[in-house]
């Protein structure tokens, strides 16, 4: 099957790893309405392709993403302006939806783990779009900035939900209050990124991590684990996790993957998991009402 073609992205799948590259290098991969739509579409592709086990997102050229494309000038964020960046992106009542938020919500629903390989500048939506990605690796050349207050606007892309959960409220508030751009070392020290790498080592490190996932784990188990951890980040009681855990364990314990996982371990061989995300993903989320274990 021919690889899909995008205007603002490059997309490739090799040995179970999909690589999405933001591809407007002449504009430092600045975010546009077209990029928003293509990012949503590409995560539909990765979810629907059982050959994809892990997704890596990176940027072409010197930047990861330098934020919103500001070529519209002072009216860039004015939703009353027909040329506004996100004018086409849908409306709920009187409110135009934030385009970065639409991308982030699609990533949040991903059935495949997402690794960010942050190769350069990542500011504004260039950093907030990373927050629902599961693991962030950064080049030592990377820079980050939640610059919204310095542009007269507010944090977007659901970052008010994600950022405090990742780095704590104090750091989230400092970064958003000051709007300053900070380096990769501070991002690492404060927990925004998992590890730092020399520029030439960044993608190999991301691929090595992706390989560890793809070669050793059951894809349905990974998809469910991703849902469990992200959704439970907002749960108001551990009982909600207990309900979902119980459904998931009951479903997967009787499946072919569990039998293969145990058998391959006992037989000291590499596993070959039979179940597919596209066909065998159980629904573990319906409410139980009055819980029998109370």
C-alpha atoms as a PDB file:
ATOM      1  CA  UNK A   1       0.000   0.000   0.000  1.00  0.00           C
ATOM      2  CA  UNK A   2       1.329   3.430  -0.956  1.00  0.00           C
ATOM      3  CA  UNK A   3       2.181   5.745   1.909  1.00  0.00           C
ATOM      4  CA  UNK A   4      -0.395   8.528   2.345  1.00  0.00           C
ATOM      5  CA  UNK A   5       0.604  11.998   1.212  1.00  0.00           C
ATOM      6  CA  UNK A   6       0.303  15.079   3.402  1.00  0.00           C
ATOM      7  CA  UNK A   7       1.135  18.741   2.840  1.00  0.00           C
ATOM      8  CA  UNK A   8       2.550  19.459   6.307  1.00  0.00           C
ATOM      9  CA  UNK A   9       3.698  16.032   7.507  1.00  0.00           C
ATOM     10  CA  UNK A  10       5.921  13.169   6.466  1.00  0.00           C
ATOM     11  CA  UNK A  11       4.658   9.700   7.382  1.00  0.00           C
ATOM     12  CA  UNK A  12       6.484   6.386   7.248  1.00  0.00           C
ATOM     13  CA  UNK A  13       6.022   2.947   8.815  1.00  0.00           C
ATOM     14  CA  UNK A  14       8.944   0.561   9.234  1.00  0.00           C
ATOM     15  CA  UNK A  15       9.053  -2.645  11.288  1.00  0.00           C
ATOM     16  CA  UNK A  16       6.083  -1.693  13.428  1.00  0.00           C
ATOM     17  CA  UNK A  17       7.192   1.903  14.104  1.00  0.00           C
ATOM     18  CA  UNK A  18       5.317   4.829  12.525  1.00  0.00           C
ATOM     19  CA  UNK A  19       7.267   8.078  12.283  1.00  0.00           C
ATOM     20  CA  UNK A  20       5.339  11.333  11.897  1.00  0.00           C
ATOM     21  CA  UNK A  21       7.529  14.294  10.991  1.00  0.00           C
ATOM     22  CA  UNK A  22       6.175  17.836  11.149  1.00  0.00           C
ATOM     23  CA  UNK A  23       7.348  19.103   7.787  1.00  0.00           C
ATOM     24  CA  UNK A  24       7.341  22.869   7.294  1.00  0.00           C
ATOM     25  CA  UNK A  25      11.061  23.352   7.974  1.00  0.00           C
ATOM     26  CA  UNK A  26      11.212  26.706   6.195  1.00  0.00           C
ATOM     27  CA  UNK A  27       8.661  27.965   8.772  1.00  0.00           C
ATOM     28  CA  UNK A  28      10.184  26.054  11.710  1.00  0.00           C
ATOM     29  CA  UNK A  29       7.214  23.668  11.419  1.00  0.00           C
ATOM     30  CA  UNK A  30       4.791  26.366  12.575  1.00  0.00           C
ATOM     31  CA  UNK A  31       1.291  25.057  13.254  1.00  0.00           C
ATOM     32  CA  UNK A  32      -1.503  25.798  10.767  1.00  0.00           C
ATOM     33  CA  UNK A  33      -5.106  24.716  10.284  1.00  0.00           C
ATOM     34  CA  UNK A  34      -3.879  22.298   7.610  1.00  0.00           C
ATOM     35  CA  UNK A  35      -1.365  20.740  10.016  1.00  0.00           C
ATOM     36  CA  UNK A  36      -4.102  20.376  12.614  1.00  0.00           C
ATOM     37  CA  UNK A  37      -6.338  18.460  10.223  1.00  0.00           C
ATOM     38  CA  UNK A  38      -3.502  16.277   8.972  1.00  0.00           C
ATOM     39  CA  UNK A  39      -2.387  15.379  12.503  1.00  0.00           C
ATOM     40  CA  UNK A  40      -5.913  14.253  13.345  1.00  0.00           C
ATOM     41  CA  UNK A  41      -6.028  12.206  10.138  1.00  0.00           C
ATOM     42  CA  UNK A  42      -2.636  10.595  10.671  1.00  0.00           C
ATOM     43  CA  UNK A  43      -3.590   9.329  14.131  1.00  0.00           C
ATOM     44  CA  UNK A  44      -6.658   7.753  12.549  1.00  0.00           C
ATOM     45  CA  UNK A  45      -4.211   5.930  10.275  1.00  0.00           C
ATOM     46  CA  UNK A  46      -1.990   4.691  13.083  1.00  0.00           C
ATOM     47  CA  UNK A  47      -4.946   3.475  15.139  1.00  0.00           C
ATOM     48  CA  UNK A  48      -6.416   1.538  12.223  1.00  0.00           C
ATOM     49  CA  UNK A  49      -3.172  -0.126  11.125  1.00  0.00           C
ATOM     50  CA  UNK A  50      -2.322  -3.248  13.142  1.00  0.00           C
ATOM     51  CA  UNK A  51       1.176  -3.147  11.661  1.00  0.00           C
ATOM     52  CA  UNK A  52       1.823   0.026  13.689  1.00  0.00           C
ATOM     53  CA  UNK A  53       2.884  -0.766  17.231  1.00  0.00           C
ATOM     54  CA  UNK A  54       4.426   2.555  18.304  1.00  0.00           C
ATOM     55  CA  UNK A  55       4.319   6.135  16.977  1.00  0.00           C
ATOM     56  CA  UNK A  56       7.259   8.587  17.015  1.00  0.00           C
ATOM     57  CA  UNK A  57       6.625  12.301  16.409  1.00  0.00           C
ATOM     58  CA  UNK A  58       9.483  14.631  15.480  1.00  0.00           C
ATOM     59  CA  UNK A  59      10.193  17.740  13.402  1.00  0.00           C
ATOM     60  CA  UNK A  60      12.032  18.388  10.143  1.00  0.00           C
ATOM     61  CA  UNK A  61      14.987  20.748  10.160  1.00  0.00           C
ATOM     62  CA  UNK A  62      16.018  22.890  13.121  1.00  0.00           C
ATOM     63  CA  UNK A  63      12.736  22.960  15.056  1.00  0.00           C
ATOM     64  CA  UNK A  64      10.151  20.603  16.449  1.00  0.00           C
ATOM     65  CA  UNK A  65       7.392  23.220  16.122  1.00  0.00           C
ATOM     66  CA  UNK A  66       7.819  26.956  16.678  1.00  0.00           C
ATOM     67  CA  UNK A  67       4.171  27.414  17.663  1.00  0.00           C
ATOM     68  CA  UNK A  68       1.296  28.903  15.723  1.00  0.00           C
ATOM     69  CA  UNK A  69       2.027  30.380  12.313  1.00  0.00           C
ATOM     70  CA  UNK A  70       1.907  34.136  13.001  1.00  0.00           C
ATOM     71  CA  UNK A  71       1.972  35.240   9.369  1.00  0.00           C
ATOM     72  CA  UNK A  72      -1.548  36.635   9.821  1.00  0.00           C
ATOM     73  CA  UNK A  73      -0.094  39.332  12.052  1.00  0.00           C
ATOM     74  CA  UNK A  74      -1.908  40.815  15.032  1.00  0.00           C
ATOM     75  CA  UNK A  75      -5.214  39.222  14.010  1.00  0.00           C
ATOM     76  CA  UNK A  76      -3.802  35.700  14.057  1.00  0.00           C
ATOM     77  CA  UNK A  77      -5.844  34.635  17.077  1.00  0.00           C
ATOM     78  CA  UNK A  78      -8.922  36.791  16.384  1.00  0.00           C
ATOM     79  CA  UNK A  79     -11.792  34.433  15.612  1.00  0.00           C
ATOM     80  CA  UNK A  80     -13.782  37.327  14.127  1.00  0.00           C
ATOM     81  CA  UNK A  81     -11.115  37.656  11.422  1.00  0.00           C
ATOM     82  CA  UNK A  82     -11.830  35.424   8.372  1.00  0.00           C
ATOM     83  CA  UNK A  83      -8.096  34.775   8.027  1.00  0.00           C
ATOM     84  CA  UNK A  84      -7.646  33.629  11.631  1.00  0.00           C
ATOM     85  CA  UNK A  85      -5.503  30.536  12.050  1.00  0.00           C
ATOM     86  CA  UNK A  86      -8.271  28.300  13.336  1.00  0.00           C
ATOM     87  CA  UNK A  87     -11.336  29.866  11.707  1.00  0.00           C
ATOM     88  CA  UNK A  88     -12.177  26.642   9.853  1.00  0.00           C
ATOM     89  CA  UNK A  89     -11.909  24.372  12.834  1.00  0.00           C
ATOM     90  CA  UNK A  90     -15.454  24.086  14.034  1.00  0.00           C
ATOM     91  CA  UNK A  91     -17.727  25.979  16.354  1.00  0.00           C
ATOM     92  CA  UNK A  92     -19.708  25.029  19.456  1.00  0.00           C
ATOM     93  CA  UNK A  93     -22.380  27.622  20.125  1.00  0.00           C
ATOM     94  CA  UNK A  94     -20.593  30.948  19.906  1.00  0.00           C
ATOM     95  CA  UNK A  95     -17.128  29.488  20.554  1.00  0.00           C
ATOM     96  CA  UNK A  96     -14.639  28.483  17.888  1.00  0.00           C
ATOM     97  CA  UNK A  97     -12.821  25.335  18.980  1.00  0.00           C
ATOM     98  CA  UNK A  98      -9.106  25.592  19.701  1.00  0.00           C
ATOM     99  CA  UNK A  99      -7.245  23.722  16.987  1.00  0.00           C
ATOM    100  CA  UNK A 100      -4.432  22.574  19.241  1.00  0.00           C
ATOM    101  CA  UNK A 101      -7.025  21.137  21.577  1.00  0.00           C
ATOM    102  CA  UNK A 102      -8.564  19.111  18.779  1.00  0.00           C
ATOM    103  CA  UNK A 103      -5.177  17.569  18.002  1.00  0.00           C
ATOM    104  CA  UNK A 104      -4.419  16.860  21.656  1.00  0.00           C
ATOM    105  CA  UNK A 105      -7.799  15.222  22.247  1.00  0.00           C
ATOM    106  CA  UNK A 106      -7.174  12.963  19.242  1.00  0.00           C
ATOM    107  CA  UNK A 107      -3.760  12.004  20.604  1.00  0.00           C
ATOM    108  CA  UNK A 108      -5.298  11.337  24.023  1.00  0.00           C
ATOM    109  CA  UNK A 109      -7.561   8.731  22.391  1.00  0.00           C
ATOM    110  CA  UNK A 110      -4.676   7.023  20.560  1.00  0.00           C
ATOM    111  CA  UNK A 111      -4.553   3.227  20.779  1.00  0.00           C
ATOM    112  CA  UNK A 112      -0.805   3.203  20.152  1.00  0.00           C
ATOM    113  CA  UNK A 113       1.898   4.647  22.437  1.00  0.00           C
ATOM    114  CA  UNK A 114       3.337   7.970  21.269  1.00  0.00           C
ATOM    115  CA  UNK A 115       6.982   8.975  21.721  1.00  0.00           C
ATOM    116  CA  UNK A 116       8.048  12.577  21.109  1.00  0.00           C
ATOM    117  CA  UNK A 117      11.560  13.101  19.736  1.00  0.00           C
ATOM    118  CA  UNK A 118      11.946  16.837  20.327  1.00  0.00           C
ATOM    119  CA  UNK A 119      14.717  17.882  17.981  1.00  0.00           C
ATOM    120  CA  UNK A 120      14.636  21.672  18.416  1.00  0.00           C
ATOM    121  CA  UNK A 121      12.493  24.638  19.384  1.00  0.00           C
ATOM    122  CA  UNK A 122       9.081  23.677  20.775  1.00  0.00           C
ATOM    123  CA  UNK A 123       7.046  26.683  21.917  1.00  0.00           C
ATOM    124  CA  UNK A 124       3.363  27.478  22.191  1.00  0.00           C
ATOM    125  CA  UNK A 125       1.359  24.729  20.565  1.00  0.00           C
ATOM    126  CA  UNK A 126       4.704  23.152  19.680  1.00  0.00           C
ATOM    127  CA  UNK A 127       5.085  22.163  23.333  1.00  0.00           C
ATOM    128  CA  UNK A 128       1.432  21.783  24.351  1.00  0.00           C
ATOM    129  CA  UNK A 129       0.844  19.230  21.582  1.00  0.00           C
ATOM    130  CA  UNK A 130       3.523  17.063  23.229  1.00  0.00           C
ATOM    131  CA  UNK A 131       1.743  16.810  26.560  1.00  0.00           C
ATOM    132  CA  UNK A 132      -0.569  13.881  25.658  1.00  0.00           C
ATOM    133  CA  UNK A 133       2.357  12.028  24.107  1.00  0.00           C
ATOM    134  CA  UNK A 134       3.424   9.264  26.458  1.00  0.00           C
ATOM    135  CA  UNK A 135       7.201   9.673  26.585  1.00  0.00           C
ATOM    136  CA  UNK A 136       9.206  12.730  25.532  1.00  0.00           C
ATOM    137  CA  UNK A 137      12.885  12.539  24.569  1.00  0.00           C
ATOM    138  CA  UNK A 138      14.703  15.758  23.715  1.00  0.00           C
ATOM    139  CA  UNK A 139      17.823  16.885  21.946  1.00  0.00           C
ATOM    140  CA  UNK A 140      20.244  18.918  24.018  1.00  0.00           C
ATOM    141  CA  UNK A 141      19.528  21.668  21.453  1.00  0.00           C
ATOM    142  CA  UNK A 142      15.782  21.695  22.212  1.00  0.00           C
ATOM    143  CA  UNK A 143      14.064  24.709  23.750  1.00  0.00           C
ATOM    144  CA  UNK A 144      10.589  24.968  25.226  1.00  0.00           C
ATOM    145  CA  UNK A 145       8.221  27.787  26.064  1.00  0.00           C
ATOM    146  CA  UNK A 146       4.643  28.225  27.224  1.00  0.00           C
ATOM    147  CA  UNK A 147       4.729  31.721  25.729  1.00  0.00           C
ATOM    148  CA  UNK A 148       1.003  32.514  25.665  1.00  0.00           C
ATOM    149  CA  UNK A 149       0.984  35.360  28.207  1.00  0.00           C
ATOM    150  CA  UNK A 150       3.726  37.060  26.157  1.00  0.00           C
ATOM    151  CA  UNK A 151       1.410  36.970  23.118  1.00  0.00           C
ATOM    152  CA  UNK A 152      -1.606  38.284  25.019  1.00  0.00           C
ATOM    153  CA  UNK A 153      -3.469  34.976  24.996  1.00  0.00           C
ATOM    154  CA  UNK A 154      -3.860  31.990  27.343  1.00  0.00           C
ATOM    155  CA  UNK A 155      -2.632  28.371  27.445  1.00  0.00           C
ATOM    156  CA  UNK A 156      -4.436  26.116  24.965  1.00  0.00           C
ATOM    157  CA  UNK A 157      -4.468  22.533  23.668  1.00  0.00           C
ATOM    158  CA  UNK A 158      -5.853  21.266  26.990  1.00  0.00           C
ATOM    159  CA  UNK A 159      -2.523  22.157  28.615  1.00  0.00           C
ATOM    160  CA  UNK A 160      -4.234  23.410  31.771  1.00  0.00           C
ATOM    161  CA  UNK A 161      -5.244  19.760  32.325  1.00  0.00           C
ATOM    162  CA  UNK A 162      -2.080  18.006  31.161  1.00  0.00           C
ATOM    163  CA  UNK A 163       0.769  20.248  32.286  1.00  0.00           C
ATOM    164  CA  UNK A 164       0.202  20.249  36.082  1.00  0.00           C
ATOM    165  CA  UNK A 165      -0.216  16.476  35.998  1.00  0.00           C
ATOM    166  CA  UNK A 166       3.173  16.099  34.326  1.00  0.00           C
ATOM    167  CA  UNK A 167       5.320  18.653  36.138  1.00  0.00           C
ATOM    168  CA  UNK A 168       3.291  19.764  39.172  1.00  0.00           C
ATOM    169  CA  UNK A 169       1.253  22.906  39.707  1.00  0.00           C
ATOM    170  CA  UNK A 170       4.111  25.163  40.835  1.00  0.00           C
ATOM    171  CA  UNK A 171       6.231  24.549  37.747  1.00  0.00           C
ATOM    172  CA  UNK A 172       3.212  24.732  35.444  1.00  0.00           C
ATOM    173  CA  UNK A 173       2.234  28.103  36.898  1.00  0.00           C
ATOM    174  CA  UNK A 174       5.778  29.492  36.723  1.00  0.00           C
ATOM    175  CA  UNK A 175       6.194  28.524  33.082  1.00  0.00           C
ATOM    176  CA  UNK A 176       2.781  29.935  32.115  1.00  0.00           C
ATOM    177  CA  UNK A 177       3.084  33.120  34.211  1.00  0.00           C
ATOM    178  CA  UNK A 178       6.518  34.059  32.876  1.00  0.00           C
ATOM    179  CA  UNK A 179       6.102  32.788  29.323  1.00  0.00           C
ATOM    180  CA  UNK A 180       9.862  32.428  29.135  1.00  0.00           C
ATOM    181  CA  UNK A 181      11.693  30.073  26.808  1.00  0.00           C
ATOM    182  CA  UNK A 182      13.839  27.551  28.676  1.00  0.00           C
ATOM    183  CA  UNK A 183      16.364  24.936  27.704  1.00  0.00           C
ATOM    184  CA  UNK A 184      16.336  21.177  27.517  1.00  0.00           C
ATOM    185  CA  UNK A 185      18.175  20.797  30.816  1.00  0.00           C
ATOM    186  CA  UNK A 186      15.438  22.588  32.755  1.00  0.00           C
ATOM    187  CA  UNK A 187      12.769  20.598  30.920  1.00  0.00           C
ATOM    188  CA  UNK A 188      14.539  17.413  32.013  1.00  0.00           C
ATOM    189  CA  UNK A 189      15.116  18.492  35.605  1.00  0.00           C
ATOM    190  CA  UNK A 190      11.457  19.416  36.042  1.00  0.00           C
ATOM    191  CA  UNK A 191      10.091  16.237  34.504  1.00  0.00           C
ATOM    192  CA  UNK A 192       8.768  17.479  31.167  1.00  0.00           C
ATOM    193  CA  UNK A 193      11.116  15.215  29.221  1.00  0.00           C
ATOM    194  CA  UNK A 194      12.364  11.735  30.074  1.00  0.00           C
ATOM    195  CA  UNK A 195      15.933  12.032  28.756  1.00  0.00           C
ATOM    196  CA  UNK A 196      18.336  14.265  26.834  1.00  0.00           C
ATOM    197  CA  UNK A 197      20.392  13.170  23.841  1.00  0.00           C
ATOM    198  CA  UNK A 198      22.978  14.609  21.505  1.00  0.00           C
ATOM    199  CA  UNK A 199      21.177  15.726  18.325  1.00  0.00           C
ATOM    200  CA  UNK A 200      22.528  12.837  16.276  1.00  0.00           C
ATOM    201  CA  UNK A 201      21.476  10.319  18.932  1.00  0.00           C
ATOM    202  CA  UNK A 202      17.906  11.515  19.446  1.00  0.00           C
ATOM    203  CA  UNK A 203      16.032   9.511  16.803  1.00  0.00           C
ATOM    204  CA  UNK A 204      18.085   6.344  17.393  1.00  0.00           C
ATOM    205  CA  UNK A 205      17.216   6.577  21.104  1.00  0.00           C
ATOM    206  CA  UNK A 206      13.519   7.061  20.314  1.00  0.00           C
ATOM    207  CA  UNK A 207      13.580   4.107  17.934  1.00  0.00           C
ATOM    208  CA  UNK A 208      15.355   1.908  20.472  1.00  0.00           C
ATOM    209  CA  UNK A 209      12.626   2.646  23.011  1.00  0.00           C
ATOM    210  CA  UNK A 210       9.949   1.995  20.389  1.00  0.00           C
ATOM    211  CA  UNK A 211      11.628  -1.313  19.497  1.00  0.00           C
ATOM    212  CA  UNK A 212      11.574  -2.422  23.143  1.00  0.00           C
ATOM    213  CA  UNK A 213       7.808  -1.889  23.185  1.00  0.00           C
ATOM    214  CA  UNK A 214       7.104  -3.373  19.756  1.00  0.00           C
ATOM    215  CA  UNK A 215       9.253  -6.492  20.210  1.00  0.00           C
ATOM    216  CA  UNK A 216       8.197  -7.565  23.680  1.00  0.00           C
ATOM    217  CA  UNK A 217       4.635  -6.561  24.465  1.00  0.00           C
ATOM    218  CA  UNK A 218       1.090  -7.476  23.459  1.00  0.00           C
ATOM    219  CA  UNK A 219      -0.477  -4.647  21.414  1.00  0.00           C
ATOM    220  CA  UNK A 220      -3.922  -4.965  22.999  1.00  0.00           C
ATOM    221  CA  UNK A 221      -2.351  -4.881  26.476  1.00  0.00           C
ATOM    222  CA  UNK A 222      -0.431  -1.721  25.581  1.00  0.00           C
ATOM    223  CA  UNK A 223      -3.551  -0.038  24.184  1.00  0.00           C
ATOM    224  CA  UNK A 224      -5.511  -0.834  27.336  1.00  0.00           C
ATOM    225  CA  UNK A 225      -2.638   0.195  29.620  1.00  0.00           C
ATOM    226  CA  UNK A 226      -2.459   3.546  27.857  1.00  0.00           C
ATOM    227  CA  UNK A 227      -6.188   4.118  28.340  1.00  0.00           C
ATOM    228  CA  UNK A 228      -6.099   3.029  31.961  1.00  0.00           C
ATOM    229  CA  UNK A 229      -3.256   5.301  33.012  1.00  0.00           C
ATOM    230  CA  UNK A 230      -4.394   8.403  31.132  1.00  0.00           C
ATOM    231  CA  UNK A 231      -8.075   8.130  32.022  1.00  0.00           C
ATOM    232  CA  UNK A 232      -7.384   7.380  35.654  1.00  0.00           C
ATOM    233  CA  UNK A 233      -5.295  10.572  35.883  1.00  0.00           C
ATOM    234  CA  UNK A 234      -8.607  12.374  36.240  1.00  0.00           C
ATOM    235  CA  UNK A 235     -10.517   9.835  38.335  1.00  0.00           C
ATOM    236  CA  UNK A 236     -11.852  10.994  41.681  1.00  0.00           C
ATOM    237  CA  UNK A 237     -11.397   7.680  43.531  1.00  0.00           C
ATOM    238  CA  UNK A 238      -9.272   4.508  43.114  1.00  0.00           C
ATOM    239  CA  UNK A 239     -12.517   2.533  42.893  1.00  0.00           C
ATOM    240  CA  UNK A 240     -12.842   3.803  39.321  1.00  0.00           C
ATOM    241  CA  UNK A 241      -9.476   2.229  38.522  1.00  0.00           C
ATOM    242  CA  UNK A 242     -10.534  -0.984  40.286  1.00  0.00           C
ATOM    243  CA  UNK A 243     -13.651  -1.226  38.110  1.00  0.00           C
ATOM    244  CA  UNK A 244     -11.710  -0.747  34.882  1.00  0.00           C
ATOM    245  CA  UNK A 245      -8.803  -2.978  36.005  1.00  0.00           C
ATOM    246  CA  UNK A 246     -11.206  -5.792  36.871  1.00  0.00           C
ATOM    247  CA  UNK A 247     -12.914  -5.625  33.479  1.00  0.00           C
ATOM    248  CA  UNK A 248      -9.582  -5.520  31.659  1.00  0.00           C
ATOM    249  CA  UNK A 249      -8.017  -8.425  33.562  1.00  0.00           C
ATOM    250  CA  UNK A 250     -11.105 -10.593  33.096  1.00  0.00           C
ATOM    251  CA  UNK A 251     -11.165  -9.888  29.374  1.00  0.00           C
ATOM    252  CA  UNK A 252      -7.452 -10.306  28.702  1.00  0.00           C
ATOM    253  CA  UNK A 253      -6.951 -13.274  31.031  1.00  0.00           C
ATOM    254  CA  UNK A 254      -9.134 -15.450  28.796  1.00  0.00           C
ATOM    255  CA  UNK A 255      -7.588 -14.198  25.547  1.00  0.00           C
ATOM    256  CA  UNK A 256      -4.950 -15.716  23.327  1.00  0.00           C
ATOM    257  CA  UNK A 257      -2.412 -13.057  24.263  1.00  0.00           C
ATOM    258  CA  UNK A 258      -2.378 -14.114  27.929  1.00  0.00           C
ATOM    259  CA  UNK A 259      -1.890 -17.748  27.011  1.00  0.00           C
ATOM    260  CA  UNK A 260       0.948 -16.814  24.659  1.00  0.00           C
ATOM    261  CA  UNK A 261       2.523 -14.465  27.186  1.00  0.00           C
ATOM    262  CA  UNK A 262       2.736 -17.175  29.834  1.00  0.00           C
ATOM    263  CA  UNK A 263       3.711 -19.959  27.429  1.00  0.00           C
ATOM    264  CA  UNK A 264       6.507 -17.960  25.810  1.00  0.00           C
ATOM    265  CA  UNK A 265       7.870 -17.020  29.229  1.00  0.00           C
ATOM    266  CA  UNK A 266       7.893 -20.627  30.433  1.00  0.00           C
ATOM    267  CA  UNK A 267       9.373 -21.851  27.148  1.00  0.00           C
ATOM    268  CA  UNK A 268      12.014 -19.087  27.150  1.00  0.00           C
ATOM    269  CA  UNK A 269      11.200 -17.872  23.647  1.00  0.00           C
ATOM    270  CA  UNK A 270      10.057 -14.635  22.031  1.00  0.00           C
ATOM    271  CA  UNK A 271       6.284 -14.186  22.167  1.00  0.00           C
ATOM    272  CA  UNK A 272       4.039 -14.071  19.103  1.00  0.00           C
ATOM    273  CA  UNK A 273       0.862 -12.389  20.294  1.00  0.00           C
ATOM    274  CA  UNK A 274      -2.224 -13.324  18.238  1.00  0.00           C
ATOM    275  CA  UNK A 275      -4.689 -10.607  19.228  1.00  0.00           C
ATOM    276  CA  UNK A 276      -5.164  -7.399  17.219  1.00  0.00           C
ATOM    277  CA  UNK A 277      -6.073  -3.931  18.428  1.00  0.00           C
ATOM    278  CA  UNK A 278      -8.468  -3.519  15.494  1.00  0.00           C
ATOM    279  CA  UNK A 279     -10.473  -6.644  16.380  1.00  0.00           C
ATOM    280  CA  UNK A 280      -9.864  -7.628  19.998  1.00  0.00           C
ATOM    281  CA  UNK A 281      -9.933  -4.416  22.067  1.00  0.00           C
ATOM    282  CA  UNK A 282     -12.550  -4.850  24.811  1.00  0.00           C
ATOM    283  CA  UNK A 283     -14.749  -2.086  26.172  1.00  0.00           C
ATOM    284  CA  UNK A 284     -13.730  -1.789  29.814  1.00  0.00           C
ATOM    285  CA  UNK A 285     -15.398   1.523  30.598  1.00  0.00           C
ATOM    286  CA  UNK A 286     -19.182   1.068  31.114  1.00  0.00           C
ATOM    287  CA  UNK A 287     -20.339   2.134  34.568  1.00  0.00           C
ATOM    288  CA  UNK A 288     -21.144  -0.658  36.996  1.00  0.00           C
ATOM    289  CA  UNK A 289     -23.573   1.289  39.164  1.00  0.00           C
ATOM    290  CA  UNK A 290     -23.608  -0.027  42.719  1.00  0.00           C
ATOM    291  CA  UNK A 291     -20.289  -1.881  43.001  1.00  0.00           C
ATOM    292  CA  UNK A 292     -20.494  -5.439  44.426  1.00  0.00           C
ATOM    293  CA  UNK A 293     -17.047  -5.151  46.082  1.00  0.00           C
ATOM    294  CA  UNK A 294     -17.970  -2.234  48.362  1.00  0.00           C
END
